[in-house]
Amino acid sequence: MSDTIWSGPVLSGRRVVVCLCITSVVVTTDVLFIHTFDITTPIEFVTEVVLHALGFYGGFTLMALLD
């Protein structure tokens, strides 16, 4: 039953992993080169990754539901 839930259009473990990977690359690039966000501590880095990953996940979930 849990496999069906996690592979459905609303909840997807694969989508979570992809969103975290994309967000980690984007935030790391920003921290190292662009400096758009003022991230100085690991806690701020994790917070930015989690917040942006939730946004990516929400967008991908919306696309999966409308597909």
Protein backbone atom coordinates (compact mmCIF):
# COMPACT_ATOMS: atom_id res chain seq x y z
CA MET A 1 0.00 0.00 0.00
CA SER A 2 2.79 2.44 0.83
CA ASP A 3 4.42 1.77 -2.57
CA THR A 4 1.22 2.88 -4.27
CA ILE A 5 1.02 6.04 -2.19
CA TRP A 6 4.67 7.04 -2.73
CA SER A 7 4.58 6.42 -6.47
CA GLY A 8 1.31 8.26 -7.08
CA PRO A 9 0.88 11.77 -8.49
CA VAL A 10 0.61 13.49 -5.09
CA LEU A 11 3.43 11.85 -3.11
CA SER A 12 6.55 10.60 -4.82
CA GLY A 13 9.83 9.63 -3.20
CA ARG A 14 11.64 10.01 -6.52
CA ARG A 15 10.28 13.55 -6.89
CA VAL A 16 11.54 14.43 -3.39
CA VAL A 17 15.05 13.21 -4.22
CA VAL A 18 15.12 15.05 -7.55
CA CYS A 19 13.90 18.27 -5.94
CA LEU A 20 16.51 18.06 -3.18
CA CYS A 21 19.29 17.43 -5.71
CA ILE A 22 18.24 20.31 -7.97
CA THR A 23 17.86 22.66 -5.03
CA SER A 24 21.19 21.67 -3.51
CA VAL A 25 22.97 22.42 -6.79
CA VAL A 26 21.21 25.77 -7.20
CA VAL A 27 21.82 26.94 -3.62
CA THR A 28 25.43 25.72 -3.63
CA THR A 29 26.09 27.59 -6.88
CA ASP A 30 24.56 30.70 -5.35
CA VAL A 31 26.64 30.41 -2.19
CA LEU A 32 29.90 29.85 -4.06
CA PHE A 33 29.58 32.20 -7.05
CA ILE A 34 26.54 34.47 -7.25
CA HIS A 35 25.83 35.53 -3.63
CA THR A 36 22.18 36.42 -4.15
CA PHE A 37 21.27 35.15 -0.69
CA ASP A 38 23.33 36.08 2.36
CA ILE A 39 24.02 32.52 3.52
CA THR A 40 26.82 32.29 6.06
CA THR A 41 25.99 29.31 8.31
CA PRO A 42 25.11 25.69 7.62
CA ILE A 43 21.69 26.21 9.26
CA GLU A 44 20.88 28.97 6.77
CA PHE A 45 22.03 26.72 3.92
CA VAL A 46 19.78 23.85 5.06
CA THR A 47 16.86 26.25 5.55
CA GLU A 48 17.23 27.62 2.01
CA VAL A 49 17.52 24.12 0.53
CA VAL A 50 14.41 22.91 2.37
CA LEU A 51 12.32 25.97 1.48
CA HIS A 52 13.27 25.93 -2.19
CA ALA A 53 12.90 22.14 -2.40
CA LEU A 54 9.34 22.48 -1.11
CA GLY A 55 8.66 24.99 -3.87
CA PHE A 56 10.13 22.71 -6.55
CA TYR A 57 8.20 19.76 -5.12
CA GLY A 58 4.95 21.74 -5.15
CA GLY A 59 5.49 22.75 -8.76
CA PHE A 60 6.36 19.23 -9.88
CA THR A 61 3.37 17.84 -7.97
CA LEU A 62 1.06 20.34 -9.63
CA MET A 63 2.44 19.33 -13.02
CA ALA A 64 1.94 15.63 -12.17
CA LEU A 65 -1.65 16.24 -11.08
CA LEU A 66 -2.51 18.20 -14.23
CA ASP A 67 -0.84 15.71 -16.57
